Each structure stands twice: as structure tokens, then as C-alpha cells.
Amino acid sequence: MPAIEIYTQPGCPYCVRAVRLLESKNVPFKEINAPRGTPEREQAYERSGGSSTVPQTFVDGRPLGGCDDLMRLERQGQLNAALGLAD
């Protein structure tokens, strides 16, 4: 099972939506609290290649994107494969 990490911040509706989507997939993931101005947020920025928004999702260290990206992959039927799940 790949390592899945998601950087979020409290009160962010996009973060809640992305976390719920991951939960619905029944995959283990690590949620990293990354409010604006924290070292965790800077880490998410650097790891994502410069995206300053949350959530930011990574699979085995590879950036998968934010909420809109996860939802797009789900609509296209590609999220399970991106998360390392069998269809």
C-alpha cells in the first residue's frame, strides 16, 4: 500500500471534502495540519512544486494535487489507480 499524505488546515472546506473522499476509499493516510505560516505549510509548498493552497495530497511522495484534482481523478475513474487501489 502506498504512503498517502494530505496537508490540510482547520476550517478549510476543500480540505474536509478531500479528506472525506480519501476516507470513502478506506485507504490509510496521514493528515498533516498545515495552517498558513507554519513549517508544515512551507513543506507542502516545497513538496508540491510551489502550490500555496491546501489541501495538498501526496502518494509515495509524488504530488497528486488538491481537492479539485482529487475530484477530477475520481470523476474520470482514475483515483483508485492513483491511490494504488485495485478497481
N, C-alpha and C. Protein backbone atom coordinates (compact mmCIF):
# COMPACT_ATOMS: atom_id res chain seq x y z
N MET A 1 0.86 -1.18 0.00
CA MET A 1 0.00 0.00 0.00
C MET A 1 0.90 1.23 0.00
N PRO A 2 0.67 2.15 -0.92
CA PRO A 2 1.48 3.36 -0.95
C PRO A 2 1.23 4.26 0.26
N ALA A 3 2.21 5.07 0.58
CA ALA A 3 2.08 6.05 1.66
C ALA A 3 1.32 7.27 1.11
N ILE A 4 0.19 7.60 1.74
CA ILE A 4 -0.63 8.72 1.31
C ILE A 4 -0.60 9.77 2.42
N GLU A 5 -0.29 11.01 2.03
CA GLU A 5 -0.25 12.13 2.97
C GLU A 5 -1.10 13.26 2.40
N ILE A 6 -1.78 13.96 3.29
CA ILE A 6 -2.56 15.12 2.86
C ILE A 6 -2.35 16.25 3.86
N TYR A 7 -1.92 17.38 3.33
CA TYR A 7 -1.74 18.59 4.14
C TYR A 7 -3.05 19.36 4.14
N THR A 8 -3.51 19.71 5.34
CA THR A 8 -4.79 20.41 5.48
C THR A 8 -4.63 21.58 6.46
N GLN A 9 -5.69 22.36 6.56
CA GLN A 9 -5.73 23.41 7.58
C GLN A 9 -7.14 23.45 8.16
N PRO A 10 -7.26 23.75 9.45
CA PRO A 10 -8.57 23.81 10.09
C PRO A 10 -9.48 24.83 9.41
N GLY A 11 -10.75 24.47 9.28
CA GLY A 11 -11.74 25.37 8.73
C GLY A 11 -11.77 25.44 7.21
N CYS A 12 -10.99 24.62 6.55
CA CYS A 12 -10.93 24.64 5.09
C CYS A 12 -11.93 23.64 4.51
N PRO A 13 -12.98 24.11 3.83
CA PRO A 13 -13.99 23.19 3.31
C PRO A 13 -13.44 22.26 2.22
N TYR A 14 -12.46 22.73 1.47
CA TYR A 14 -11.85 21.87 0.45
C TYR A 14 -11.06 20.74 1.10
N CYS A 15 -10.42 21.04 2.22
CA CYS A 15 -9.68 20.02 2.96
C CYS A 15 -10.64 18.96 3.48
N VAL A 16 -11.75 19.40 4.04
CA VAL A 16 -12.75 18.47 4.56
C VAL A 16 -13.25 17.57 3.44
N ARG A 17 -13.52 18.14 2.30
CA ARG A 17 -14.03 17.38 1.16
C ARG A 17 -13.01 16.34 0.67
N ALA A 18 -11.75 16.75 0.59
CA ALA A 18 -10.70 15.83 0.14
C ALA A 18 -10.47 14.71 1.15
N VAL A 19 -10.47 15.04 2.43
CA VAL A 19 -10.30 14.01 3.47
C VAL A 19 -11.47 13.03 3.43
N ARG A 20 -12.67 13.53 3.27
CA ARG A 20 -13.84 12.64 3.19
C ARG A 20 -13.74 11.69 1.99
N LEU A 21 -13.24 12.21 0.87
CA LEU A 21 -13.07 11.36 -0.31
C LEU A 21 -12.06 10.25 -0.02
N LEU A 22 -10.94 10.60 0.60
CA LEU A 22 -9.96 9.58 0.95
C LEU A 22 -10.54 8.57 1.94
N GLU A 23 -11.28 9.06 2.92
CA GLU A 23 -11.92 8.16 3.88
C GLU A 23 -12.88 7.20 3.19
N SER A 24 -13.59 7.70 2.19
CA SER A 24 -14.55 6.85 1.48
C SER A 24 -13.86 5.72 0.71
N LYS A 25 -12.58 5.90 0.44
CA LYS A 25 -11.79 4.89 -0.27
C LYS A 25 -11.22 3.84 0.68
N ASN A 26 -11.39 4.08 1.99
CA ASN A 26 -10.88 3.16 3.02
C ASN A 26 -9.39 2.90 2.87
N VAL A 27 -8.64 3.97 2.58
CA VAL A 27 -7.19 3.85 2.48
C VAL A 27 -6.58 4.53 3.71
N PRO A 28 -5.52 3.97 4.23
CA PRO A 28 -4.83 4.67 5.32
C PRO A 28 -4.10 5.88 4.77
N PHE A 29 -4.18 6.99 5.49
CA PHE A 29 -3.47 8.19 5.08
C PHE A 29 -3.09 8.99 6.31
N LYS A 30 -2.09 9.82 6.13
CA LYS A 30 -1.64 10.68 7.21
C LYS A 30 -2.09 12.10 6.90
N GLU A 31 -2.87 12.67 7.81
CA GLU A 31 -3.30 14.06 7.66
C GLU A 31 -2.33 14.95 8.43
N ILE A 32 -1.77 15.92 7.75
CA ILE A 32 -0.79 16.82 8.34
C ILE A 32 -1.40 18.20 8.46
N ASN A 33 -1.51 18.69 9.69
CA ASN A 33 -2.08 20.01 9.95
C ASN A 33 -1.09 21.06 9.47
N ALA A 34 -1.50 21.89 8.51
CA ALA A 34 -0.59 22.86 7.89
C ALA A 34 -1.24 24.23 7.73
N PRO A 35 -1.56 24.90 8.84
CA PRO A 35 -2.11 26.25 8.73
C PRO A 35 -1.10 27.20 8.09
N ARG A 36 -1.61 28.26 7.53
CA ARG A 36 -0.77 29.29 6.90
C ARG A 36 0.30 29.78 7.89
N GLY A 37 1.54 29.90 7.38
CA GLY A 37 2.63 30.42 8.21
C GLY A 37 3.37 29.39 9.04
N THR A 38 3.01 28.12 8.91
CA THR A 38 3.68 27.07 9.68
C THR A 38 4.75 26.36 8.85
N PRO A 39 5.69 25.71 9.50
CA PRO A 39 6.70 24.94 8.76
C PRO A 39 6.05 23.83 7.91
N GLU A 40 4.96 23.28 8.39
CA GLU A 40 4.26 22.24 7.63
C GLU A 40 3.70 22.79 6.32
N ARG A 41 3.19 24.00 6.37
CA ARG A 41 2.65 24.62 5.16
C ARG A 41 3.77 24.89 4.17
N GLU A 42 4.91 25.34 4.67
CA GLU A 42 6.08 25.57 3.81
C GLU A 42 6.54 24.25 3.19
N GLN A 43 6.50 23.19 3.97
CA GLN A 43 6.88 21.87 3.46
C GLN A 43 5.93 21.45 2.34
N ALA A 44 4.64 21.66 2.53
CA ALA A 44 3.66 21.31 1.48
C ALA A 44 3.94 22.12 0.22
N TYR A 45 4.25 23.40 0.39
CA TYR A 45 4.56 24.28 -0.73
C TYR A 45 5.77 23.76 -1.52
N GLU A 46 6.81 23.42 -0.80
CA GLU A 46 8.04 22.94 -1.44
C GLU A 46 7.81 21.59 -2.12
N ARG A 47 7.15 20.69 -1.44
CA ARG A 47 6.93 19.34 -1.99
C ARG A 47 6.03 19.35 -3.21
N SER A 48 5.09 20.31 -3.25
CA SER A 48 4.12 20.35 -4.36
C SER A 48 4.66 21.06 -5.59
N GLY A 49 5.83 21.63 -5.48
CA GLY A 49 6.37 22.37 -6.61
C GLY A 49 5.88 23.80 -6.67
N GLY A 50 5.39 24.31 -5.55
CA GLY A 50 5.01 25.72 -5.49
C GLY A 50 3.54 26.02 -5.32
N SER A 51 2.73 25.01 -5.08
CA SER A 51 1.31 25.28 -4.85
C SER A 51 1.12 25.77 -3.42
N SER A 52 0.49 26.93 -3.27
CA SER A 52 0.35 27.54 -1.95
C SER A 52 -1.00 27.24 -1.29
N THR A 53 -1.83 26.45 -1.94
CA THR A 53 -3.16 26.17 -1.39
C THR A 53 -3.17 24.80 -0.70
N VAL A 54 -4.13 24.62 0.17
CA VAL A 54 -4.40 23.31 0.77
C VAL A 54 -5.80 22.91 0.37
N PRO A 55 -6.08 21.63 0.31
CA PRO A 55 -5.19 20.54 0.65
C PRO A 55 -4.16 20.28 -0.44
N GLN A 56 -3.10 19.60 -0.06
CA GLN A 56 -2.12 19.07 -1.00
C GLN A 56 -1.94 17.59 -0.64
N THR A 57 -2.09 16.74 -1.63
CA THR A 57 -2.06 15.30 -1.43
C THR A 57 -0.85 14.70 -2.13
N PHE A 58 -0.22 13.74 -1.46
CA PHE A 58 0.96 13.06 -1.99
C PHE A 58 0.79 11.55 -1.85
N VAL A 59 1.20 10.84 -2.88
CA VAL A 59 1.19 9.38 -2.85
C VAL A 59 2.62 8.92 -3.09
N ASP A 60 3.18 8.25 -2.08
CA ASP A 60 4.59 7.85 -2.13
C ASP A 60 5.49 9.02 -2.50
N GLY A 61 5.17 10.20 -1.94
CA GLY A 61 5.98 11.38 -2.15
C GLY A 61 5.69 12.14 -3.43
N ARG A 62 4.88 11.55 -4.30
CA ARG A 62 4.55 12.18 -5.58
C ARG A 62 3.32 13.07 -5.40
N PRO A 63 3.38 14.34 -5.83
CA PRO A 63 2.22 15.22 -5.66
C PRO A 63 1.04 14.76 -6.52
N LEU A 64 -0.10 14.68 -5.87
CA LEU A 64 -1.34 14.30 -6.57
C LEU A 64 -2.22 15.52 -6.79
N GLY A 65 -2.02 16.56 -5.98
CA GLY A 65 -2.76 17.79 -6.15
C GLY A 65 -3.70 18.09 -5.00
N GLY A 66 -4.60 19.03 -5.27
CA GLY A 66 -5.55 19.50 -4.27
C GLY A 66 -6.90 18.84 -4.42
N CYS A 67 -7.89 19.43 -3.79
CA CYS A 67 -9.25 18.89 -3.79
C CYS A 67 -9.80 18.75 -5.20
N ASP A 68 -9.69 19.79 -5.99
CA ASP A 68 -10.23 19.73 -7.36
C ASP A 68 -9.56 18.62 -8.16
N ASP A 69 -8.27 18.44 -7.95
CA ASP A 69 -7.55 17.38 -8.66
C ASP A 69 -8.05 15.99 -8.25
N LEU A 70 -8.25 15.81 -6.95
CA LEU A 70 -8.76 14.52 -6.47
C LEU A 70 -10.16 14.25 -7.02
N MET A 71 -11.00 15.26 -7.01
CA MET A 71 -12.37 15.10 -7.51
C MET A 71 -12.37 14.81 -9.02
N ARG A 72 -11.50 15.47 -9.74
CA ARG A 72 -11.39 15.22 -11.19
C ARG A 72 -10.94 13.78 -11.46
N LEU A 73 -9.94 13.33 -10.72
CA LEU A 73 -9.48 11.95 -10.89
C LEU A 73 -10.60 10.96 -10.55
N GLU A 74 -11.37 11.27 -9.53
CA GLU A 74 -12.49 10.40 -9.15
C GLU A 74 -13.54 10.36 -10.27
N ARG A 75 -13.89 11.52 -10.81
CA ARG A 75 -14.88 11.57 -11.90
C ARG A 75 -14.40 10.81 -13.12
N GLN A 76 -13.11 10.86 -13.38
CA GLN A 76 -12.53 10.18 -14.54
C GLN A 76 -12.24 8.70 -14.29
N GLY A 77 -12.54 8.24 -13.07
CA GLY A 77 -12.30 6.83 -12.74
C GLY A 77 -10.83 6.49 -12.57
N GLN A 78 -10.01 7.49 -12.26
CA GLN A 78 -8.57 7.26 -12.16
C GLN A 78 -8.02 7.39 -10.74
N LEU A 79 -8.86 7.77 -9.78
CA LEU A 79 -8.36 8.00 -8.43
C LEU A 79 -7.90 6.70 -7.76
N ASN A 80 -8.66 5.63 -7.92
CA ASN A 80 -8.25 4.37 -7.30
C ASN A 80 -6.86 3.95 -7.74
N ALA A 81 -6.58 4.03 -9.02
CA ALA A 81 -5.26 3.67 -9.52
C ALA A 81 -4.19 4.61 -8.96
N ALA A 82 -4.50 5.90 -8.88
CA ALA A 82 -3.54 6.87 -8.35
C ALA A 82 -3.23 6.61 -6.88
N LEU A 83 -4.20 6.04 -6.17
CA LEU A 83 -4.01 5.72 -4.76
C LEU A 83 -3.47 4.32 -4.53
N GLY A 84 -3.24 3.60 -5.62
CA GLY A 84 -2.70 2.25 -5.50
C GLY A 84 -3.74 1.21 -5.16
N LEU A 85 -5.01 1.50 -5.47
CA LEU A 85 -6.09 0.56 -5.19
C LEU A 85 -6.47 -0.20 -6.45
N ALA A 86 -6.86 -1.45 -6.26
CA ALA A 86 -7.39 -2.23 -7.39
C ALA A 86 -8.84 -1.82 -7.61
N ASP A 87 -9.25 -1.75 -8.84
CA ASP A 87 -10.66 -1.39 -9.13
C ASP A 87 -11.60 -2.55 -8.93
